[in-house]
């Protein structure tokens, strides 16, 4: 079997496995939390996206990794990670926290969608071996990140639960 179908199968199965895990464990846990704490947990996950800079480290990825893919993916991840860190740092200043929560989710989602487009245009699935040590990122990490962004938007758009006040 050639590289392209293996990569595509693994990518789809990465989404399936994370969706099963998210549905069974992570989403119920996030829904049980206070809205701020749920978004704090999601921001914590995304704060590690600085790791995407590895796409531009020579020797980690192959020399023939498409130039249209690697820098954009690296710097988009860095921007998302920094915005997520800013959300975490501003948790006590709620307007700033919510601004950064929305920002890192918008930037991060756009980054992942555009990375998929760049990867397809560059024929990356057929050249997935050029990802070298970073091969696991699109297979294991990206599906989790994308699903977490979807969950964040779901939680942002979900109405705030009504607080029940105890009688005085």
C-alpha atoms as a PDB file:
ATOM      1  CA  UNK A   1       0.000   0.000   0.000  1.00  0.00           C
ATOM      2  CA  UNK A   2       1.345   3.445  -0.867  1.00  0.00           C
ATOM      3  CA  UNK A   3       1.876   6.251   1.637  1.00  0.00           C
ATOM      4  CA  UNK A   4      -1.195   8.277   0.667  1.00  0.00           C
ATOM      5  CA  UNK A   5      -3.932   5.766   1.633  1.00  0.00           C
ATOM      6  CA  UNK A   6      -2.079   4.807   4.831  1.00  0.00           C
ATOM      7  CA  UNK A   7      -1.875   8.463   5.852  1.00  0.00           C
ATOM      8  CA  UNK A   8      -5.541   9.094   4.977  1.00  0.00           C
ATOM      9  CA  UNK A   9      -6.732   5.986   6.849  1.00  0.00           C
ATOM     10  CA  UNK A  10      -4.707   6.946   9.910  1.00  0.00           C
ATOM     11  CA  UNK A  11      -6.021  10.519   9.784  1.00  0.00           C
ATOM     12  CA  UNK A  12      -9.652   9.360   9.631  1.00  0.00           C
ATOM     13  CA  UNK A  13      -9.076   6.825  12.415  1.00  0.00           C
ATOM     14  CA  UNK A  14      -7.443   9.571  14.496  1.00  0.00           C
ATOM     15  CA  UNK A  15     -10.695  11.523  14.264  1.00  0.00           C
ATOM     16  CA  UNK A  16     -12.798   8.447  15.034  1.00  0.00           C
ATOM     17  CA  UNK A  17     -10.749   7.536  18.116  1.00  0.00           C
ATOM     18  CA  UNK A  18     -10.769  11.109  19.472  1.00  0.00           C
ATOM     19  CA  UNK A  19     -14.496  11.528  18.789  1.00  0.00           C
ATOM     20  CA  UNK A  20     -15.207   8.329  20.740  1.00  0.00           C
ATOM     21  CA  UNK A  21     -13.002   9.489  23.607  1.00  0.00           C
ATOM     22  CA  UNK A  22     -14.433  13.008  23.541  1.00  0.00           C
ATOM     23  CA  UNK A  23     -18.011  11.779  23.499  1.00  0.00           C
ATOM     24  CA  UNK A  24     -17.514   9.295  26.310  1.00  0.00           C
ATOM     25  CA  UNK A  25     -15.227  11.212  28.646  1.00  0.00           C
ATOM     26  CA  UNK A  26     -14.109  14.715  27.730  1.00  0.00           C
ATOM     27  CA  UNK A  27     -17.317  16.453  26.625  1.00  0.00           C
ATOM     28  CA  UNK A  28     -19.373  15.229  29.622  1.00  0.00           C
ATOM     29  CA  UNK A  29     -16.532  16.401  31.882  1.00  0.00           C
ATOM     30  CA  UNK A  30     -16.407  19.836  30.178  1.00  0.00           C
ATOM     31  CA  UNK A  31     -20.213  20.210  30.371  1.00  0.00           C
ATOM     32  CA  UNK A  32     -20.152  19.458  34.089  1.00  0.00           C
ATOM     33  CA  UNK A  33     -17.782  22.358  34.709  1.00  0.00           C
ATOM     34  CA  UNK A  34     -18.294  26.035  35.175  1.00  0.00           C
ATOM     35  CA  UNK A  35     -18.062  27.748  31.771  1.00  0.00           C
ATOM     36  CA  UNK A  36     -14.789  29.518  32.618  1.00  0.00           C
ATOM     37  CA  UNK A  37     -13.137  26.334  33.886  1.00  0.00           C
ATOM     38  CA  UNK A  38     -14.171  24.400  30.770  1.00  0.00           C
ATOM     39  CA  UNK A  39     -12.619  27.012  28.497  1.00  0.00           C
ATOM     40  CA  UNK A  40      -9.580  27.146  30.753  1.00  0.00           C
ATOM     41  CA  UNK A  41      -9.081  23.397  30.230  1.00  0.00           C
ATOM     42  CA  UNK A  42      -9.390  23.784  26.453  1.00  0.00           C
ATOM     43  CA  UNK A  43      -6.975  26.749  26.477  1.00  0.00           C
ATOM     44  CA  UNK A  44      -4.483  24.680  28.453  1.00  0.00           C
ATOM     45  CA  UNK A  45      -4.497  21.994  25.757  1.00  0.00           C
ATOM     46  CA  UNK A  46      -4.021  24.584  23.012  1.00  0.00           C
ATOM     47  CA  UNK A  47      -1.267  26.398  24.903  1.00  0.00           C
ATOM     48  CA  UNK A  48       1.045  23.551  23.827  1.00  0.00           C
ATOM     49  CA  UNK A  49       0.641  24.427  20.142  1.00  0.00           C
ATOM     50  CA  UNK A  50       4.030  26.128  20.175  1.00  0.00           C
ATOM     51  CA  UNK A  51       5.160  22.562  19.417  1.00  0.00           C
ATOM     52  CA  UNK A  52       4.063  23.154  15.800  1.00  0.00           C
ATOM     53  CA  UNK A  53       7.284  25.108  15.258  1.00  0.00           C
ATOM     54  CA  UNK A  54       8.910  21.688  14.859  1.00  0.00           C
ATOM     55  CA  UNK A  55       7.676  21.735  11.228  1.00  0.00           C
ATOM     56  CA  UNK A  56      10.428  24.247  10.404  1.00  0.00           C
ATOM     57  CA  UNK A  57      13.270  22.517  12.270  1.00  0.00           C
ATOM     58  CA  UNK A  58      15.733  21.022   9.765  1.00  0.00           C
ATOM     59  CA  UNK A  59      16.464  17.381  10.438  1.00  0.00           C
ATOM     60  CA  UNK A  60      13.136  16.764  12.163  1.00  0.00           C
ATOM     61  CA  UNK A  61      11.150  16.979   8.943  1.00  0.00           C
ATOM     62  CA  UNK A  62      12.415  15.883   5.551  1.00  0.00           C
ATOM     63  CA  UNK A  63      14.080  18.414   3.264  1.00  0.00           C
ATOM     64  CA  UNK A  64      11.335  17.978   0.677  1.00  0.00           C
ATOM     65  CA  UNK A  65       8.436  18.894   2.963  1.00  0.00           C
ATOM     66  CA  UNK A  66       6.429  21.340   0.824  1.00  0.00           C
ATOM     67  CA  UNK A  67       7.436  24.928   1.525  1.00  0.00           C
ATOM     68  CA  UNK A  68       3.806  26.010   1.137  1.00  0.00           C
ATOM     69  CA  UNK A  69       2.880  23.852   4.134  1.00  0.00           C
ATOM     70  CA  UNK A  70       5.554  23.928   6.834  1.00  0.00           C
ATOM     71  CA  UNK A  71       6.018  27.647   7.718  1.00  0.00           C
ATOM     72  CA  UNK A  72       2.309  28.422   7.631  1.00  0.00           C
ATOM     73  CA  UNK A  73       1.521  25.436   9.861  1.00  0.00           C
ATOM     74  CA  UNK A  74       4.349  26.294  12.265  1.00  0.00           C
ATOM     75  CA  UNK A  75       3.489  29.959  12.714  1.00  0.00           C
ATOM     76  CA  UNK A  76      -0.275  29.382  12.814  1.00  0.00           C
ATOM     77  CA  UNK A  77       0.236  26.930  15.647  1.00  0.00           C
ATOM     78  CA  UNK A  78       2.541  29.356  17.443  1.00  0.00           C
ATOM     79  CA  UNK A  79      -0.024  32.174  17.170  1.00  0.00           C
ATOM     80  CA  UNK A  80      -2.783  29.911  18.486  1.00  0.00           C
ATOM     81  CA  UNK A  81      -0.637  28.700  21.368  1.00  0.00           C
ATOM     82  CA  UNK A  82       0.313  32.242  22.369  1.00  0.00           C
ATOM     83  CA  UNK A  83      -3.334  33.371  22.279  1.00  0.00           C
ATOM     84  CA  UNK A  84      -4.309  30.372  24.422  1.00  0.00           C
ATOM     85  CA  UNK A  85      -1.573  31.290  26.910  1.00  0.00           C
ATOM     86  CA  UNK A  86      -2.855  34.868  26.992  1.00  0.00           C
ATOM     87  CA  UNK A  87      -6.321  33.512  27.779  1.00  0.00           C
ATOM     88  CA  UNK A  88      -4.864  31.555  30.688  1.00  0.00           C
ATOM     89  CA  UNK A  89      -2.895  34.571  31.938  1.00  0.00           C
ATOM     90  CA  UNK A  90      -5.960  36.843  31.861  1.00  0.00           C
ATOM     91  CA  UNK A  91      -8.413  34.518  33.582  1.00  0.00           C
ATOM     92  CA  UNK A  92      -8.974  37.050  36.392  1.00  0.00           C
ATOM     93  CA  UNK A  93      -9.824  39.792  33.878  1.00  0.00           C
ATOM     94  CA  UNK A  94     -12.927  38.205  32.363  1.00  0.00           C
ATOM     95  CA  UNK A  95     -13.417  40.506  29.339  1.00  0.00           C
ATOM     96  CA  UNK A  96      -9.793  39.903  28.282  1.00  0.00           C
ATOM     97  CA  UNK A  97     -10.096  36.172  29.005  1.00  0.00           C
ATOM     98  CA  UNK A  98     -13.179  35.824  26.786  1.00  0.00           C
ATOM     99  CA  UNK A  99     -11.539  37.905  24.043  1.00  0.00           C
ATOM    100  CA  UNK A 100      -8.515  35.582  24.011  1.00  0.00           C
ATOM    101  CA  UNK A 101     -10.716  32.455  24.217  1.00  0.00           C
ATOM    102  CA  UNK A 102     -12.597  33.537  21.104  1.00  0.00           C
ATOM    103  CA  UNK A 103      -9.367  34.660  19.406  1.00  0.00           C
ATOM    104  CA  UNK A 104      -7.403  31.450  19.930  1.00  0.00           C
ATOM    105  CA  UNK A 105     -10.353  29.338  18.810  1.00  0.00           C
ATOM    106  CA  UNK A 106     -10.912  31.389  15.652  1.00  0.00           C
ATOM    107  CA  UNK A 107      -7.204  31.568  14.785  1.00  0.00           C
ATOM    108  CA  UNK A 108      -6.646  27.915  15.680  1.00  0.00           C
ATOM    109  CA  UNK A 109      -9.587  26.633  13.657  1.00  0.00           C
ATOM    110  CA  UNK A 110      -8.598  28.743  10.655  1.00  0.00           C
ATOM    111  CA  UNK A 111      -5.021  27.496  10.995  1.00  0.00           C
ATOM    112  CA  UNK A 112      -6.073  23.839  10.962  1.00  0.00           C
ATOM    113  CA  UNK A 113      -8.510  24.260   8.056  1.00  0.00           C
ATOM    114  CA  UNK A 114      -5.933  26.175   6.007  1.00  0.00           C
ATOM    115  CA  UNK A 115      -3.268  23.587   6.870  1.00  0.00           C
ATOM    116  CA  UNK A 116      -5.538  20.888   5.457  1.00  0.00           C
ATOM    117  CA  UNK A 117      -6.005  22.938   2.294  1.00  0.00           C
ATOM    118  CA  UNK A 118      -2.256  23.578   1.952  1.00  0.00           C
ATOM    119  CA  UNK A 119      -1.488  19.906   2.582  1.00  0.00           C
ATOM    120  CA  UNK A 120      -3.914  18.781  -0.122  1.00  0.00           C
ATOM    121  CA  UNK A 121      -2.638  21.381  -2.617  1.00  0.00           C
ATOM    122  CA  UNK A 122       0.958  20.338  -1.924  1.00  0.00           C
ATOM    123  CA  UNK A 123       0.163  16.625  -2.230  1.00  0.00           C
ATOM    124  CA  UNK A 124       1.316  16.021   1.330  1.00  0.00           C
ATOM    125  CA  UNK A 125      -0.624  12.764   1.898  1.00  0.00           C
ATOM    126  CA  UNK A 126       1.419  11.110  -0.869  1.00  0.00           C
ATOM    127  CA  UNK A 127       4.620  12.550   0.636  1.00  0.00           C
ATOM    128  CA  UNK A 128       3.738  11.997   4.294  1.00  0.00           C
ATOM    129  CA  UNK A 129       7.115  10.382   4.902  1.00  0.00           C
ATOM    130  CA  UNK A 130       8.613  13.867   4.590  1.00  0.00           C
ATOM    131  CA  UNK A 131       6.917  14.711   7.873  1.00  0.00           C
ATOM    132  CA  UNK A 132       9.596  12.607   9.553  1.00  0.00           C
ATOM    133  CA  UNK A 133       9.310  12.738  13.333  1.00  0.00           C
ATOM    134  CA  UNK A 134       6.294  15.046  13.055  1.00  0.00           C
ATOM    135  CA  UNK A 135       4.154  12.385  11.334  1.00  0.00           C
ATOM    136  CA  UNK A 136       2.190  11.801  14.543  1.00  0.00           C
ATOM    137  CA  UNK A 137       1.085  15.446  14.752  1.00  0.00           C
ATOM    138  CA  UNK A 138      -1.525  15.356  11.957  1.00  0.00           C
ATOM    139  CA  UNK A 139      -2.592  11.801  12.833  1.00  0.00           C
ATOM    140  CA  UNK A 140      -2.939  12.050  16.618  1.00  0.00           C
ATOM    141  CA  UNK A 141      -2.711  15.670  17.749  1.00  0.00           C
ATOM    142  CA  UNK A 142      -4.568  17.628  15.036  1.00  0.00           C
ATOM    143  CA  UNK A 143      -7.825  15.654  15.339  1.00  0.00           C
ATOM    144  CA  UNK A 144      -7.863  16.322  19.089  1.00  0.00           C
ATOM    145  CA  UNK A 145      -7.197  20.035  18.513  1.00  0.00           C
ATOM    146  CA  UNK A 146      -9.941  20.371  15.898  1.00  0.00           C
ATOM    147  CA  UNK A 147     -12.473  18.524  18.047  1.00  0.00           C
ATOM    148  CA  UNK A 148     -11.511  20.702  21.027  1.00  0.00           C
ATOM    149  CA  UNK A 149     -12.146  23.834  18.929  1.00  0.00           C
ATOM    150  CA  UNK A 150     -15.577  22.522  17.947  1.00  0.00           C
ATOM    151  CA  UNK A 151     -16.309  21.770  21.607  1.00  0.00           C
ATOM    152  CA  UNK A 152     -15.178  25.284  22.575  1.00  0.00           C
ATOM    153  CA  UNK A 153     -17.545  26.867  20.051  1.00  0.00           C
ATOM    154  CA  UNK A 154     -20.340  24.594  21.275  1.00  0.00           C
ATOM    155  CA  UNK A 155     -19.690  25.653  24.865  1.00  0.00           C
ATOM    156  CA  UNK A 156     -19.457  29.329  23.884  1.00  0.00           C
ATOM    157  CA  UNK A 157     -22.813  29.215  22.125  1.00  0.00           C
ATOM    158  CA  UNK A 158     -24.556  27.117  24.762  1.00  0.00           C
ATOM    159  CA  UNK A 159     -26.809  29.191  27.021  1.00  0.00           C
ATOM    160  CA  UNK A 160     -25.499  29.828  30.513  1.00  0.00           C
ATOM    161  CA  UNK A 161     -27.264  27.501  32.961  1.00  0.00           C
ATOM    162  CA  UNK A 162     -29.665  29.300  35.253  1.00  0.00           C
ATOM    163  CA  UNK A 163     -28.380  29.551  38.791  1.00  0.00           C
ATOM    164  CA  UNK A 164     -30.779  28.344  41.446  1.00  0.00           C
ATOM    165  CA  UNK A 165     -30.717  30.599  44.464  1.00  0.00           C
ATOM    166  CA  UNK A 166     -31.413  29.098  47.827  1.00  0.00           C
ATOM    167  CA  UNK A 167     -34.191  30.756  49.812  1.00  0.00           C
ATOM    168  CA  UNK A 168     -32.854  33.242  52.374  1.00  0.00           C
END
